[in-house]
N, C-alpha and C. Protein backbone atom coordinates (compact mmCIF):
# COMPACT_ATOMS: atom_id res chain seq x y z
N MET A 1 33.54 -10.11 -15.19
CA MET A 1 33.83 -8.72 -14.90
C MET A 1 32.90 -7.79 -15.70
N PHE A 2 32.71 -8.14 -16.98
CA PHE A 2 31.83 -7.34 -17.81
C PHE A 2 30.41 -7.33 -17.27
N GLU A 3 29.95 -8.46 -16.79
CA GLU A 3 28.60 -8.56 -16.23
C GLU A 3 28.44 -7.69 -14.99
N GLU A 4 29.49 -7.62 -14.17
CA GLU A 4 29.45 -6.79 -12.96
C GLU A 4 29.35 -5.31 -13.33
N ILE A 5 30.11 -4.91 -14.34
CA ILE A 5 30.08 -3.52 -14.78
C ILE A 5 28.71 -3.19 -15.35
N LEU A 6 28.17 -4.09 -16.14
CA LEU A 6 26.84 -3.89 -16.71
C LEU A 6 25.78 -3.78 -15.63
N GLU A 7 25.87 -4.61 -14.60
CA GLU A 7 24.94 -4.56 -13.48
C GLU A 7 25.05 -3.23 -12.73
N LYS A 8 26.28 -2.76 -12.53
CA LYS A 8 26.48 -1.47 -11.85
C LYS A 8 25.91 -0.33 -12.66
N ILE A 9 26.08 -0.39 -13.96
CA ILE A 9 25.53 0.67 -14.83
C ILE A 9 24.01 0.65 -14.76
N ASN A 10 23.41 -0.52 -14.78
CA ASN A 10 21.95 -0.62 -14.67
C ASN A 10 21.46 -0.08 -13.34
N ASN A 11 22.17 -0.38 -12.25
CA ASN A 11 21.80 0.15 -10.93
C ASN A 11 21.93 1.66 -10.89
N LEU A 12 22.99 2.20 -11.50
CA LEU A 12 23.16 3.65 -11.55
C LEU A 12 22.03 4.30 -12.33
N GLU A 13 21.63 3.68 -13.43
CA GLU A 13 20.53 4.21 -14.23
C GLU A 13 19.23 4.23 -13.43
N LYS A 14 18.94 3.15 -12.72
CA LYS A 14 17.73 3.11 -11.89
C LYS A 14 17.76 4.18 -10.81
N ASN A 15 18.92 4.36 -10.19
CA ASN A 15 19.05 5.38 -9.15
C ASN A 15 18.89 6.78 -9.72
N MET A 16 19.40 7.01 -10.92
CA MET A 16 19.26 8.33 -11.55
C MET A 16 17.79 8.62 -11.84
N VAL A 17 17.09 7.62 -12.33
CA VAL A 17 15.66 7.79 -12.62
C VAL A 17 14.90 8.09 -11.33
N LEU A 18 15.24 7.37 -10.26
CA LEU A 18 14.58 7.61 -8.97
C LEU A 18 14.87 9.01 -8.46
N LEU A 19 16.13 9.45 -8.56
CA LEU A 19 16.47 10.81 -8.12
C LEU A 19 15.75 11.86 -8.95
N LEU A 20 15.66 11.64 -10.24
CA LEU A 20 14.93 12.58 -11.09
C LEU A 20 13.47 12.64 -10.70
N ASP A 21 12.87 11.48 -10.46
CA ASP A 21 11.47 11.43 -10.05
C ASP A 21 11.26 12.14 -8.71
N LEU A 22 12.16 11.92 -7.78
CA LEU A 22 12.05 12.59 -6.48
C LEU A 22 12.20 14.10 -6.62
N HIS A 23 13.10 14.51 -7.50
CA HIS A 23 13.27 15.94 -7.74
C HIS A 23 12.00 16.54 -8.34
N LEU A 24 11.43 15.85 -9.31
CA LEU A 24 10.19 16.33 -9.92
C LEU A 24 9.06 16.37 -8.91
N GLN A 25 9.04 15.40 -8.01
CA GLN A 25 8.00 15.37 -6.99
C GLN A 25 8.11 16.58 -6.07
N GLN A 26 9.34 16.98 -5.76
CA GLN A 26 9.52 18.13 -4.87
C GLN A 26 9.16 19.43 -5.57
N THR A 27 9.46 19.52 -6.88
CA THR A 27 9.15 20.76 -7.57
C THR A 27 7.68 20.84 -7.96
N ASN A 28 7.05 19.70 -8.17
CA ASN A 28 5.62 19.64 -8.46
C ASN A 28 4.95 18.83 -7.37
N SER A 29 3.76 19.18 -7.04
CA SER A 29 3.08 18.44 -5.99
C SER A 29 2.48 17.14 -6.50
N LEU A 30 2.33 17.00 -7.82
CA LEU A 30 1.75 15.80 -8.43
C LEU A 30 0.36 15.47 -7.90
N THR A 31 -0.42 16.49 -7.64
CA THR A 31 -1.78 16.26 -7.16
C THR A 31 -2.84 16.71 -8.16
N LYS A 32 -2.42 17.40 -9.22
CA LYS A 32 -3.38 17.93 -10.19
C LYS A 32 -3.14 17.31 -11.57
N TYR A 33 -4.17 17.36 -12.40
CA TYR A 33 -4.12 16.76 -13.73
C TYR A 33 -2.90 17.23 -14.52
N ASN A 34 -2.69 18.54 -14.60
CA ASN A 34 -1.60 19.07 -15.41
C ASN A 34 -0.24 18.58 -14.91
N GLU A 35 -0.05 18.54 -13.60
CA GLU A 35 1.22 18.11 -13.04
C GLU A 35 1.47 16.63 -13.32
N VAL A 36 0.43 15.82 -13.17
CA VAL A 36 0.55 14.38 -13.43
C VAL A 36 0.82 14.14 -14.91
N ALA A 37 0.12 14.85 -15.77
CA ALA A 37 0.32 14.69 -17.21
C ALA A 37 1.75 15.05 -17.60
N LEU A 38 2.26 16.14 -17.08
CA LEU A 38 3.63 16.56 -17.36
C LEU A 38 4.63 15.53 -16.85
N PHE A 39 4.41 15.06 -15.65
CA PHE A 39 5.31 14.08 -15.03
C PHE A 39 5.34 12.76 -15.81
N LEU A 40 4.18 12.31 -16.28
CA LEU A 40 4.10 11.05 -17.01
C LEU A 40 4.44 11.21 -18.49
N GLY A 41 4.56 12.47 -18.93
CA GLY A 41 4.84 12.71 -20.35
C GLY A 41 3.64 12.42 -21.23
N LYS A 42 2.45 12.64 -20.69
CA LYS A 42 1.20 12.40 -21.41
C LYS A 42 0.41 13.69 -21.47
N THR A 43 -0.69 13.66 -22.20
CA THR A 43 -1.58 14.82 -22.23
C THR A 43 -2.60 14.71 -21.11
N LYS A 44 -3.23 15.82 -20.83
CA LYS A 44 -4.28 15.82 -19.80
C LYS A 44 -5.42 14.90 -20.22
N ARG A 45 -5.74 14.87 -21.49
CA ARG A 45 -6.79 14.01 -22.03
C ARG A 45 -6.44 12.54 -21.78
N THR A 46 -5.16 12.17 -21.92
CA THR A 46 -4.73 10.80 -21.67
C THR A 46 -4.93 10.42 -20.22
N ILE A 47 -4.70 11.36 -19.31
CA ILE A 47 -4.90 11.09 -17.89
C ILE A 47 -6.38 10.84 -17.62
N TYR A 48 -7.27 11.63 -18.25
CA TYR A 48 -8.71 11.38 -18.14
C TYR A 48 -9.05 9.97 -18.65
N THR A 49 -8.45 9.60 -19.77
CA THR A 49 -8.69 8.28 -20.35
C THR A 49 -8.19 7.18 -19.43
N TYR A 50 -7.01 7.37 -18.82
CA TYR A 50 -6.48 6.38 -17.88
C TYR A 50 -7.45 6.16 -16.72
N ILE A 51 -8.08 7.22 -16.26
CA ILE A 51 -9.06 7.09 -15.17
C ILE A 51 -10.30 6.36 -15.67
N LYS A 52 -10.77 6.75 -16.85
CA LYS A 52 -11.98 6.13 -17.42
C LYS A 52 -11.76 4.63 -17.64
N GLU A 53 -10.55 4.25 -18.10
CA GLU A 53 -10.25 2.84 -18.38
C GLU A 53 -9.72 2.10 -17.15
N ALA A 54 -9.71 2.77 -16.00
CA ALA A 54 -9.26 2.20 -14.72
C ALA A 54 -7.79 1.79 -14.73
N LYS A 55 -6.98 2.47 -15.54
CA LYS A 55 -5.53 2.28 -15.46
C LYS A 55 -4.99 3.04 -14.25
N LEU A 56 -5.62 4.18 -13.97
CA LEU A 56 -5.41 4.89 -12.71
C LEU A 56 -6.63 4.58 -11.85
N VAL A 57 -6.38 3.96 -10.72
CA VAL A 57 -7.45 3.41 -9.90
C VAL A 57 -7.83 4.37 -8.77
N ALA A 58 -9.15 4.52 -8.56
CA ALA A 58 -9.65 5.35 -7.47
C ALA A 58 -9.19 4.80 -6.13
N ASN A 59 -8.85 5.69 -5.23
CA ASN A 59 -8.36 5.40 -3.87
C ASN A 59 -7.02 4.66 -3.87
N LYS A 60 -6.41 4.53 -5.02
CA LYS A 60 -5.04 4.02 -5.10
C LYS A 60 -4.15 5.08 -5.72
N HIS A 61 -4.55 5.57 -6.89
CA HIS A 61 -3.77 6.60 -7.58
C HIS A 61 -4.35 8.01 -7.37
N TYR A 62 -5.61 8.06 -7.02
CA TYR A 62 -6.27 9.35 -6.81
C TYR A 62 -7.49 9.15 -5.91
N TYR A 63 -7.99 10.28 -5.43
CA TYR A 63 -9.24 10.26 -4.66
C TYR A 63 -10.02 11.53 -5.00
N ILE A 64 -11.28 11.53 -4.66
CA ILE A 64 -12.14 12.70 -4.88
C ILE A 64 -12.28 13.42 -3.54
N ASP A 65 -11.90 14.71 -3.51
CA ASP A 65 -11.95 15.45 -2.25
C ASP A 65 -13.37 15.96 -1.96
N ALA A 66 -13.50 16.71 -0.87
CA ALA A 66 -14.80 17.20 -0.43
C ALA A 66 -15.45 18.16 -1.44
N ASN A 67 -14.62 18.79 -2.27
CA ASN A 67 -15.13 19.71 -3.29
C ASN A 67 -15.39 19.01 -4.62
N ALA A 68 -15.41 17.69 -4.61
CA ALA A 68 -15.65 16.86 -5.80
C ALA A 68 -14.57 17.04 -6.86
N LYS A 69 -13.34 17.30 -6.42
CA LYS A 69 -12.21 17.45 -7.34
C LYS A 69 -11.30 16.24 -7.21
N THR A 70 -10.71 15.86 -8.32
CA THR A 70 -9.78 14.73 -8.33
C THR A 70 -8.44 15.19 -7.79
N VAL A 71 -7.92 14.46 -6.80
CA VAL A 71 -6.62 14.76 -6.22
C VAL A 71 -5.77 13.49 -6.37
N PHE A 72 -4.62 13.63 -7.02
CA PHE A 72 -3.75 12.48 -7.24
C PHE A 72 -2.84 12.26 -6.05
N ILE A 73 -2.43 11.01 -5.86
CA ILE A 73 -1.55 10.62 -4.76
C ILE A 73 -0.14 10.50 -5.35
N PRO A 74 0.77 11.44 -4.98
CA PRO A 74 2.09 11.50 -5.61
C PRO A 74 2.87 10.18 -5.60
N LYS A 75 2.92 9.51 -4.48
CA LYS A 75 3.68 8.26 -4.39
C LYS A 75 3.14 7.22 -5.37
N ALA A 76 1.83 7.13 -5.48
CA ALA A 76 1.21 6.16 -6.38
C ALA A 76 1.47 6.53 -7.85
N ILE A 77 1.54 7.82 -8.15
CA ILE A 77 1.82 8.26 -9.52
C ILE A 77 3.26 7.92 -9.89
N ILE A 78 4.19 8.08 -8.96
CA ILE A 78 5.58 7.71 -9.22
C ILE A 78 5.69 6.21 -9.46
N GLU A 79 5.01 5.42 -8.65
CA GLU A 79 5.01 3.96 -8.85
C GLU A 79 4.38 3.59 -10.19
N PHE A 80 3.33 4.30 -10.58
CA PHE A 80 2.69 4.06 -11.87
C PHE A 80 3.66 4.31 -13.01
N LYS A 81 4.46 5.37 -12.88
CA LYS A 81 5.43 5.68 -13.93
C LYS A 81 6.52 4.60 -13.99
N GLN A 82 6.93 4.09 -12.84
CA GLN A 82 7.97 3.07 -12.82
C GLN A 82 7.47 1.74 -13.36
N ASN A 83 6.19 1.44 -13.17
CA ASN A 83 5.58 0.20 -13.65
C ASN A 83 4.34 0.52 -14.47
N PRO A 84 4.54 1.03 -15.68
CA PRO A 84 3.37 1.47 -16.45
C PRO A 84 2.48 0.32 -16.87
N VAL A 85 1.22 0.64 -17.03
CA VAL A 85 0.23 -0.31 -17.51
C VAL A 85 0.36 -0.34 -19.03
N GLU A 86 0.26 -1.53 -19.61
CA GLU A 86 0.34 -1.63 -21.06
C GLU A 86 -0.86 -0.94 -21.68
N THR A 87 -0.57 -0.15 -22.69
CA THR A 87 -1.65 0.52 -23.41
C THR A 87 -1.83 -0.14 -24.76
N LYS A 88 -3.03 -0.13 -25.23
CA LYS A 88 -3.31 -0.73 -26.53
C LYS A 88 -2.84 0.21 -27.61
N GLY A 89 -2.03 -0.31 -28.50
CA GLY A 89 -1.56 0.48 -29.63
C GLY A 89 -2.44 0.29 -30.84
N ILE A 90 -2.15 1.03 -31.83
CA ILE A 90 -2.90 0.91 -33.08
C ILE A 90 -2.42 -0.36 -33.77
N LYS A 91 -3.35 -1.18 -34.16
CA LYS A 91 -3.00 -2.42 -34.84
C LYS A 91 -2.58 -2.11 -36.27
N GLU A 92 -1.47 -2.73 -36.67
CA GLU A 92 -1.02 -2.55 -38.03
C GLU A 92 -1.79 -3.51 -38.93
N THR A 93 -2.31 -2.97 -39.99
CA THR A 93 -3.03 -3.80 -40.94
C THR A 93 -2.46 -3.53 -42.33
N THR A 94 -2.49 -4.53 -43.14
CA THR A 94 -2.05 -4.35 -44.51
C THR A 94 -3.27 -4.12 -45.37
N VAL A 95 -3.13 -3.20 -46.26
CA VAL A 95 -4.24 -2.86 -47.15
C VAL A 95 -3.84 -3.29 -48.54
N SER A 96 -4.65 -4.10 -49.13
CA SER A 96 -4.39 -4.50 -50.52
C SER A 96 -5.37 -3.75 -51.41
N ARG A 97 -4.85 -3.37 -52.55
CA ARG A 97 -5.70 -2.62 -53.48
C ARG A 97 -6.54 -3.59 -54.30
N VAL A 98 -7.76 -3.22 -54.45
CA VAL A 98 -8.67 -4.01 -55.29
C VAL A 98 -9.10 -3.11 -56.43
N MET A 99 -8.78 -3.57 -57.63
CA MET A 99 -9.12 -2.76 -58.81
C MET A 99 -10.40 -3.29 -59.45
N HIS A 100 -11.04 -2.39 -60.07
CA HIS A 100 -12.21 -2.76 -60.86
C HIS A 100 -11.70 -3.59 -62.03
N PRO A 101 -12.42 -4.64 -62.41
CA PRO A 101 -11.93 -5.53 -63.48
C PRO A 101 -11.63 -4.81 -64.79
N ILE A 102 -12.43 -3.84 -65.15
CA ILE A 102 -12.20 -3.10 -66.41
C ILE A 102 -10.93 -2.27 -66.30
N ALA A 103 -10.75 -1.60 -65.16
CA ALA A 103 -9.54 -0.80 -64.96
C ALA A 103 -8.29 -1.68 -64.95
N GLU A 104 -8.41 -2.86 -64.40
CA GLU A 104 -7.29 -3.79 -64.36
C GLU A 104 -6.88 -4.20 -65.78
N LYS A 105 -7.87 -4.50 -66.65
CA LYS A 105 -7.57 -4.89 -68.03
C LYS A 105 -6.92 -3.73 -68.78
N LEU A 106 -7.42 -2.53 -68.56
CA LEU A 106 -6.83 -1.35 -69.22
C LEU A 106 -5.39 -1.13 -68.77
N LEU A 107 -5.13 -1.27 -67.48
CA LEU A 107 -3.77 -1.07 -66.97
C LEU A 107 -2.82 -2.16 -67.40
N GLN A 108 -3.32 -3.38 -67.60
CA GLN A 108 -2.46 -4.46 -68.08
C GLN A 108 -1.96 -4.16 -69.48
N GLY A 109 -2.77 -3.54 -70.26
CA GLY A 109 -2.38 -3.17 -71.63
C GLY A 109 -1.35 -2.06 -71.63
N VAL A 110 -1.39 -1.17 -70.59
CA VAL A 110 -0.45 -0.05 -70.51
C VAL A 110 0.90 -0.51 -69.99
N ALA A 111 0.91 -1.41 -69.01
CA ALA A 111 2.15 -1.81 -68.37
C ALA A 111 2.96 -2.76 -69.14
């Protein structure tokens, strides 16, 4: 019974997200950089980067019109948001301090 309730809640959540996306699509045309950036929750610069890195694919997510302007395809942008491409994050690195031998000897005497 608990599993059925959990499944229904997950379905309701998916439907709510879809309805929200459809509402945003109606209020915004999702054809321009600013609209796509707002919809995806990214900056305009990130959208440029997605195109440069081919995360947004020409003739799938956007096309170039007769005036040489980028026009996004709303349905493809909604699908992109539902199934985002993995982005490379900043790698965590540990930094160890290296002291000069003389400074280390001096600090050992202090501590």
